Amino acid sequence: MNFHHRRSEEPEINLIPFIDVLLVILIFLMLSTTYSKFTELKLTLPIADAQRARDYPKEIVIGVAGDGRYTVNRQPLAGRDLTTLTAALRTAAGGDTERMLIISADANAAHQSVINVMDAARRAGLAQISFATQASRSGGADGETR
């Protein structure tokens, strides 16, 4: 019997293939990850204390009453639904999508009524929207500013 103990070499840990695989995974993750920021909404609110109201020669003024009734250029609408509102805005615009839409809403008007106006403006192709405000009593211009 030969009990000659063979001398075994010490196991060698080769880290180079492991590092290569990690670098490939890191590169893949860097290329496939989208870096989008989830920040708060940045709102620029209109200031009611403006110098003077601007004159828009091609403006469409839409009024929203506290009970949800609409007027387009001081003409009352028969219905309160979105299709009637969209049709009235298309008629008032006359095919000109560059016209300014000024929303003059009552302080007691529901938010949904104003959202309906903005949705109807989008459907009618009107992209320029402004809100009418009243000047504060502490200063600014008299009357209505936009």
Foldseek 3Di string as FASTA:
>chain_A
DDPDDDDDDDDDDDCVVVVVVVVVVVVVCVVPDDDDDDDDDDDDDDAFQAAAADDFPQEWEWEAELVQWIDINNHTFPDRDLVSLLVVVLVSNVPPQAYEYEYEYDPNHDPVSVVSNVVSNVVSNHDHYHYKDAHDPVHHDHDIHD
